[in-house]
Amino acid sequence: MGANLNNAAITNGNGQIQVRYYDEYGNLYPPESCPMEPISWRAMSFPSEASFSDATLCPNGITYGSNTLRGRSLAEMMTSARAPTQWTPIAGTLSTTTTLSSNNNPSGNGQLVTFQVQVKPVSGSGVPTGTVSLLVLLGSASLVSGAADFTISNLAEGTNSIQAAYQGDDSFTTSQSAPYTQTVCGGYVTPKVDLTVNGSSAGVTVSVGDTVTFVGRIHAAADYPWPSGSITISSNTNAANIYGTADNSKDPNSNDGLATITNSGMAAGSYTLVATYGGDGGKYYSGAQSNTVSLEVKPTASRK
C-alpha cells in the first residue's frame, strides 16, 4: 500500500486538500469515518515541514488499523505503512485576484490592441495555472507564469467594456477582473487649432527686440487621446517664412495639445501669422491650421 500524489498538485503555499483512504483492494476505507474530510496544510519545504493539526482531521480522528492519522507530519503520513493512497486537492482553496489592462487605450479604428491579464494569489505564494477568458470577446488563453495576452484588431468603435475571467485550477479559486473600458476612435480627425500672440488672438503691436510669445492649442476630439506632434508658426501668405516651431505637450488642465514658441528677433514690419499643426504621424489626427493673427513690429526709436 502506498501514496499517490499524481492528482494532488501540492505546492508551496497555503490551502486545503482532501484525503481518500483505500485498502489494498481499492475499496474506500473506512467508509464511515469521513474519508473526504478537508485537511488544511502549509507546505513550506514539502514534505518535511508540512504538518496537520488534530482539529483539521475528522472530529474523532481517522484510524486506519493501528495508526491514528492525527497530528502527523505530511512526511510521516506519506511514508507510513498506512499512508493514504490518494490525495485530492479541493479546487480553488487559495483566493486569486485578476487584473486586466491594455497597451493601447484609446486605440484607433483597426489598430492592434494587446490586452494583458495577470492572475495572482491574494496572499501567500504560488503561481496560478489554467485558463483565462476575455468576456464579451469570447477569447481564451492558457496562463504562462500567471499571465496571458490577447491581441485584437476588430473592436467596435466607441467604448468597449471588457472583463477577464480566470477559471481556477486545483489550488486557486476563480476570479474576475473589474470591467475595463477600451475606447476605439472612429478614424482620423482634423482638429481645431487656436493661435494666440502675446495672449491675444487679435492684432498685437510690439517693438523690435521685444519677446513675442506664440501659443498654439490643438483641441482634442472627444474620446480621443491628446494630440501629439508639433506646431510651426509662419506667414499666412508664405509658409517658407517660419518664425518658430515646437513640439506639443499635453495641457495639464485638459486633453488638448499645447506648443509655446518665443521669438525676440522679429524684424520691423507687419505680419499675418498662422500656426500649422503637422498631425500625429497618422495615428488619430490630421494636419490643420489655426486662425490668423496680425502682428505689428515697430522699429525702436533712434537715439539722437
Protein backbone atom coordinates (compact mmCIF):
# COMPACT_ATOMS: atom_id res chain seq x y z
CA MET A 1 0.00 0.00 0.00
CA GLY A 2 1.45 3.39 -0.92
CA ALA A 3 0.72 7.02 -1.52
CA ASN A 4 -0.16 8.57 -4.86
CA LEU A 5 0.33 12.31 -5.28
CA ASN A 6 -0.32 12.43 -9.01
CA ASN A 7 -3.61 14.25 -8.55
CA ALA A 8 -2.70 16.28 -5.51
CA ALA A 9 -0.87 19.20 -7.09
CA ILE A 10 0.57 20.13 -3.70
CA THR A 11 2.77 23.22 -3.97
CA ASN A 12 4.34 25.66 -1.57
CA GLY A 13 1.70 27.90 -0.07
CA ASN A 14 -1.48 27.61 1.97
CA GLY A 15 -4.67 25.75 1.27
CA GLN A 16 -6.63 22.57 1.83
CA ILE A 17 -6.58 19.07 0.45
CA GLN A 18 -8.94 16.18 0.80
CA VAL A 19 -7.77 12.67 1.55
CA ARG A 20 -9.28 9.43 0.31
CA TYR A 21 -8.20 6.23 2.02
CA TYR A 22 -8.26 2.99 0.04
CA ASP A 23 -7.36 -0.52 1.11
CA GLU A 24 -5.26 -2.90 -0.89
CA TYR A 25 -8.34 -3.99 -2.83
CA GLY A 26 -9.16 -0.48 -3.91
CA ASN A 27 -12.08 -0.08 -1.52
CA LEU A 28 -12.64 3.25 0.13
CA TYR A 29 -11.71 2.83 3.80
CA PRO A 30 -13.10 3.43 6.33
CA PRO A 31 -16.40 4.35 4.65
CA GLU A 32 -17.95 5.54 7.90
CA SER A 33 -15.10 7.78 9.02
CA CYS A 34 -15.45 10.89 6.80
CA PRO A 35 -12.81 9.90 4.23
CA MET A 36 -13.28 13.23 2.40
CA GLU A 37 -12.73 15.49 5.41
CA PRO A 38 -10.80 18.64 4.32
CA ILE A 39 -7.31 18.96 5.78
CA SER A 40 -5.57 22.32 6.00
CA TRP A 41 -1.94 22.33 5.02
CA ARG A 42 1.02 24.62 4.77
CA ALA A 43 3.87 23.30 2.67
CA MET A 44 6.99 25.39 3.15
CA SER A 45 9.57 22.88 2.01
CA PHE A 46 7.45 19.91 1.13
CA PRO A 47 7.35 17.36 2.61
CA SER A 48 9.47 17.72 5.74
CA GLU A 49 7.88 20.88 7.15
CA ALA A 50 4.27 20.23 6.21
CA SER A 51 2.00 19.08 9.01
CA PHE A 52 -1.61 18.68 10.03
CA SER A 53 -3.17 19.69 13.33
CA ASP A 54 -5.52 17.39 15.24
CA ALA A 55 -8.52 19.62 14.64
CA THR A 56 -8.19 19.51 10.90
CA LEU A 57 -8.96 15.80 10.62
CA CYS A 58 -12.25 14.09 11.28
CA PRO A 59 -13.96 15.05 14.51
CA ASN A 60 -12.91 11.76 16.09
CA GLY A 61 -9.74 11.34 14.06
CA ILE A 62 -9.24 8.84 11.27
CA THR A 63 -7.98 5.47 12.47
CA TYR A 64 -6.58 3.08 9.91
CA GLY A 65 -5.71 -0.18 11.53
CA SER A 66 -3.46 0.58 14.47
CA ASN A 67 -2.44 4.04 13.23
CA THR A 68 -4.48 7.12 14.08
CA LEU A 69 -3.70 9.77 11.46
CA ARG A 70 -3.82 12.81 13.69
CA GLY A 71 -1.15 15.44 14.12
CA ARG A 72 1.18 13.55 11.81
CA SER A 73 3.59 15.37 9.57
CA LEU A 74 2.96 15.01 5.88
CA ALA A 75 6.27 13.20 5.57
CA GLU A 76 5.19 10.69 8.22
CA MET A 77 1.84 10.13 6.57
CA MET A 78 3.48 9.64 3.18
CA THR A 79 5.97 7.08 4.50
CA SER A 80 3.59 5.35 6.89
CA ALA A 81 2.55 1.80 6.11
CA ARG A 82 -0.96 3.15 6.45
CA ALA A 83 -0.41 6.15 4.22
CA PRO A 84 -3.34 7.47 2.16
CA THR A 85 -3.39 6.08 -1.33
CA GLN A 86 -4.93 9.13 -3.00
CA TRP A 87 -4.78 12.84 -2.24
CA THR A 88 -7.34 15.03 -3.99
CA PRO A 89 -7.00 18.83 -3.97
CA ILE A 90 -10.02 20.96 -3.23
CA ALA A 91 -10.20 23.19 -6.30
CA GLY A 92 -9.94 26.86 -5.54
CA THR A 93 -8.93 26.93 -1.91
CA LEU A 94 -6.45 29.78 -2.49
CA SER A 95 -8.08 33.08 -3.42
CA THR A 96 -6.90 34.96 -6.51
CA THR A 97 -7.16 38.41 -7.97
CA THR A 98 -7.35 39.04 -11.73
CA THR A 99 -6.36 42.32 -13.38
CA LEU A 100 -6.82 43.47 -16.98
CA SER A 101 -5.04 46.23 -18.90
CA SER A 102 -4.15 47.10 -22.50
CA ASN A 103 -1.15 48.58 -24.26
CA ASN A 104 -3.09 50.99 -26.48
CA ASN A 105 -6.02 52.89 -24.98
CA PRO A 106 -7.62 54.72 -26.63
CA SER A 107 -6.87 52.91 -29.87
CA GLY A 108 -7.59 53.81 -33.47
CA ASN A 109 -10.11 52.01 -35.65
CA GLY A 110 -8.48 48.75 -36.82
CA GLN A 111 -5.38 49.17 -34.67
CA LEU A 112 -3.99 46.19 -32.79
CA VAL A 113 -4.68 46.19 -29.08
CA THR A 114 -2.96 43.76 -26.73
CA PHE A 115 -4.82 43.03 -23.51
CA GLN A 116 -2.70 41.79 -20.63
CA VAL A 117 -4.22 39.58 -17.92
CA GLN A 118 -2.46 38.93 -14.62
CA VAL A 119 -3.68 36.37 -12.06
CA LYS A 120 -2.08 36.40 -8.63
CA PRO A 121 -2.81 34.86 -5.25
CA VAL A 122 -4.39 37.26 -2.79
CA SER A 123 -1.85 36.10 -0.20
CA GLY A 124 0.88 33.52 0.09
CA SER A 125 2.97 32.12 -2.70
CA GLY A 126 2.32 30.00 -5.75
CA VAL A 127 1.54 30.74 -9.39
CA PRO A 128 -1.98 30.16 -10.74
CA THR A 129 -2.27 27.98 -13.84
CA GLY A 130 -5.13 27.11 -16.13
CA THR A 131 -7.28 29.19 -18.47
CA VAL A 132 -8.35 32.81 -18.57
CA SER A 133 -11.03 34.24 -20.87
CA LEU A 134 -11.99 37.69 -22.10
CA LEU A 135 -15.72 38.08 -21.60
CA VAL A 136 -17.71 39.57 -24.48
CA LEU A 137 -14.83 38.85 -26.88
CA LEU A 138 -15.10 35.14 -26.07
CA GLY A 139 -11.38 34.53 -26.42
CA SER A 140 -9.43 32.29 -24.05
CA ALA A 141 -5.78 31.51 -23.41
CA SER A 142 -3.63 29.48 -21.05
CA LEU A 143 -1.74 31.26 -18.31
CA VAL A 144 2.03 31.32 -18.53
CA SER A 145 3.69 32.33 -15.27
CA GLY A 146 0.32 33.66 -14.15
CA ALA A 147 -0.21 35.88 -17.21
CA ALA A 148 -1.84 35.78 -20.65
CA ASP A 149 -2.02 38.20 -23.59
CA PHE A 150 -4.81 38.71 -26.13
CA THR A 151 -4.14 40.71 -29.32
CA ILE A 152 -7.25 42.01 -31.11
CA SER A 153 -7.82 44.43 -34.00
CA ASN A 154 -11.56 44.24 -34.64
CA LEU A 155 -13.00 46.08 -31.66
CA ALA A 156 -16.10 48.16 -32.30
CA GLU A 157 -15.81 51.93 -32.45
CA GLY A 158 -16.70 53.69 -29.22
CA THR A 159 -16.34 52.28 -25.72
CA ASN A 160 -15.96 48.55 -25.12
CA SER A 161 -16.43 47.13 -21.62
CA ILE A 162 -14.30 44.00 -21.19
CA GLN A 163 -13.64 41.64 -18.28
CA ALA A 164 -11.12 38.88 -17.78
CA ALA A 165 -12.31 35.69 -16.09
CA TYR A 166 -9.92 33.19 -14.54
CA GLN A 167 -11.27 29.63 -14.48
CA GLY A 168 -9.26 28.45 -11.47
CA ASP A 169 -7.15 25.33 -11.05
CA ASP A 170 -6.60 22.62 -8.46
CA SER A 171 -5.11 25.10 -6.00
CA PHE A 172 -6.58 28.51 -6.84
CA THR A 173 -10.07 29.95 -6.93
CA THR A 174 -11.78 31.51 -9.91
CA SER A 175 -11.86 35.31 -10.10
CA GLN A 176 -12.84 38.12 -12.45
CA SER A 177 -11.22 41.44 -13.14
CA ALA A 178 -13.02 44.73 -12.75
CA PRO A 179 -14.67 45.91 -16.01
CA TYR A 180 -12.07 47.54 -18.24
CA THR A 181 -13.13 50.23 -20.72
CA GLN A 182 -11.30 50.18 -24.04
CA THR A 183 -12.05 53.17 -26.26
CA VAL A 184 -11.76 52.81 -30.03
CA CYS A 185 -11.60 56.04 -32.03
CA GLY A 186 -13.58 56.19 -35.25
CA GLY A 187 -10.87 57.43 -37.61
CA TYR A 188 -8.66 60.40 -38.38
CA VAL A 189 -9.89 63.75 -37.09
CA THR A 190 -8.98 67.23 -38.27
CA PRO A 191 -8.59 69.14 -35.01
CA LYS A 192 -9.38 72.76 -34.27
CA VAL A 193 -6.20 74.79 -33.78
CA ASP A 194 -6.07 78.15 -31.95
CA LEU A 195 -3.22 80.66 -32.10
CA THR A 196 -2.54 83.48 -29.69
CA VAL A 197 0.28 86.02 -29.86
CA ASN A 198 1.25 87.53 -26.53
CA GLY A 199 -2.00 86.13 -25.16
CA SER A 200 -4.23 87.70 -27.83
CA SER A 201 -5.96 86.34 -30.89
CA ALA A 202 -6.49 89.87 -32.20
CA GLY A 203 -3.90 92.30 -33.56
CA VAL A 204 -0.75 92.76 -31.47
CA THR A 205 1.81 95.55 -31.58
CA VAL A 206 5.36 95.23 -30.25
CA SER A 207 8.71 96.85 -30.81
CA VAL A 208 11.81 95.39 -32.36
CA GLY A 209 13.67 93.34 -29.76
CA ASP A 210 10.57 92.56 -27.73
CA THR A 211 9.93 88.92 -26.95
CA VAL A 212 6.91 87.62 -28.82
CA THR A 213 5.19 84.53 -27.40
CA PHE A 214 3.20 82.29 -29.72
CA VAL A 215 0.90 79.63 -28.20
CA GLY A 216 -0.77 77.02 -30.35
CA ARG A 217 -3.59 74.96 -28.87
CA ILE A 218 -4.70 71.77 -30.65
CA HIS A 219 -8.12 70.74 -29.38
CA ALA A 220 -8.56 67.05 -28.64
CA ALA A 221 -11.57 65.28 -30.09
CA ALA A 222 -13.99 63.64 -27.66
CA ASP A 223 -12.84 60.16 -26.56
CA TYR A 224 -9.54 60.63 -28.43
CA PRO A 225 -6.07 60.91 -26.91
CA TRP A 226 -4.39 64.28 -26.69
CA PRO A 227 -2.89 65.49 -30.00
CA SER A 228 0.83 64.89 -30.06
CA GLY A 229 3.04 66.29 -32.80
CA SER A 230 4.35 69.82 -33.39
CA ILE A 231 3.33 73.36 -34.30
CA THR A 232 5.01 75.72 -36.77
CA ILE A 233 4.46 79.50 -36.79
CA SER A 234 4.73 81.02 -40.24
CA SER A 235 3.44 83.70 -42.56
CA ASN A 236 -0.11 83.10 -43.68
CA THR A 237 0.84 84.07 -47.23
CA ASN A 238 4.27 82.46 -47.47
CA ALA A 239 4.76 79.22 -45.49
CA ALA A 240 8.51 79.41 -46.13
CA ASN A 241 8.74 82.35 -43.74
CA ILE A 242 8.93 80.47 -40.44
CA TYR A 243 9.16 82.21 -37.08
CA GLY A 244 9.39 79.21 -34.79
CA THR A 245 8.44 75.59 -34.24
CA ALA A 246 7.94 73.42 -31.15
CA ASP A 247 6.65 70.01 -30.09
CA ASN A 248 3.29 69.78 -28.41
CA SER A 249 2.83 68.79 -24.79
CA LYS A 250 -0.38 67.80 -23.05
CA ASP A 251 -2.24 70.64 -21.40
CA PRO A 252 -2.31 69.74 -17.68
CA ASN A 253 -5.85 71.15 -17.40
CA SER A 254 -7.41 69.43 -20.41
CA ASN A 255 -6.77 66.81 -23.06
CA ASP A 256 -5.56 69.39 -25.58
CA GLY A 257 -2.08 69.70 -27.00
CA LEU A 258 -0.09 72.88 -26.41
CA ALA A 259 3.00 74.31 -28.05
CA THR A 260 4.71 77.51 -26.87
CA ILE A 261 7.24 79.36 -29.01
CA THR A 262 9.12 82.57 -28.21
CA ASN A 263 10.89 84.85 -30.66
CA SER A 264 12.74 88.05 -29.81
CA GLY A 265 14.21 88.58 -33.25
CA MET A 266 11.20 89.70 -35.28
CA ALA A 267 12.16 92.41 -37.75
CA ALA A 268 10.13 95.59 -38.04
CA GLY A 269 7.11 95.14 -40.24
CA SER A 270 3.55 93.86 -40.47
CA TYR A 271 2.84 90.14 -40.22
CA THR A 272 -0.18 87.92 -40.65
CA LEU A 273 0.70 84.75 -38.81
CA VAL A 274 -0.75 81.25 -38.69
CA ALA A 275 0.02 78.13 -36.64
CA THR A 276 0.25 74.90 -38.62
CA TYR A 277 -0.23 71.59 -36.85
CA GLY A 278 1.51 68.71 -38.63
CA GLY A 279 -0.67 65.86 -37.34
CA ASP A 280 0.38 62.98 -35.10
CA GLY A 281 2.01 60.72 -37.65
CA GLY A 282 -1.16 59.06 -38.92
CA LYS A 283 -2.49 57.79 -35.58
CA TYR A 284 -5.55 59.90 -34.81
CA TYR A 285 -5.16 63.48 -36.06
CA SER A 286 -4.53 65.00 -39.46
CA GLY A 287 -2.74 68.30 -40.02
CA ALA A 288 -4.62 71.57 -39.56
CA GLN A 289 -4.13 75.33 -39.50
CA SER A 290 -5.18 77.88 -36.93
CA ASN A 291 -6.84 81.25 -37.12
CA THR A 292 -4.60 84.08 -38.31
CA VAL A 293 -3.24 86.78 -36.01
CA SER A 294 -1.85 90.15 -37.10
CA LEU A 295 1.42 91.32 -35.60
CA GLU A 296 2.89 94.79 -35.98
CA VAL A 297 6.56 95.13 -35.09
CA LYS A 298 7.60 98.77 -34.81
CA PRO A 299 11.18 99.92 -35.11
CA THR A 300 12.75 101.18 -31.92
CA ALA A 301 13.12 104.96 -31.61
CA SER A 302 16.54 106.11 -32.81
CA ARG A 303 18.77 107.90 -30.31
CA LYS A 304 19.76 111.50 -31.08
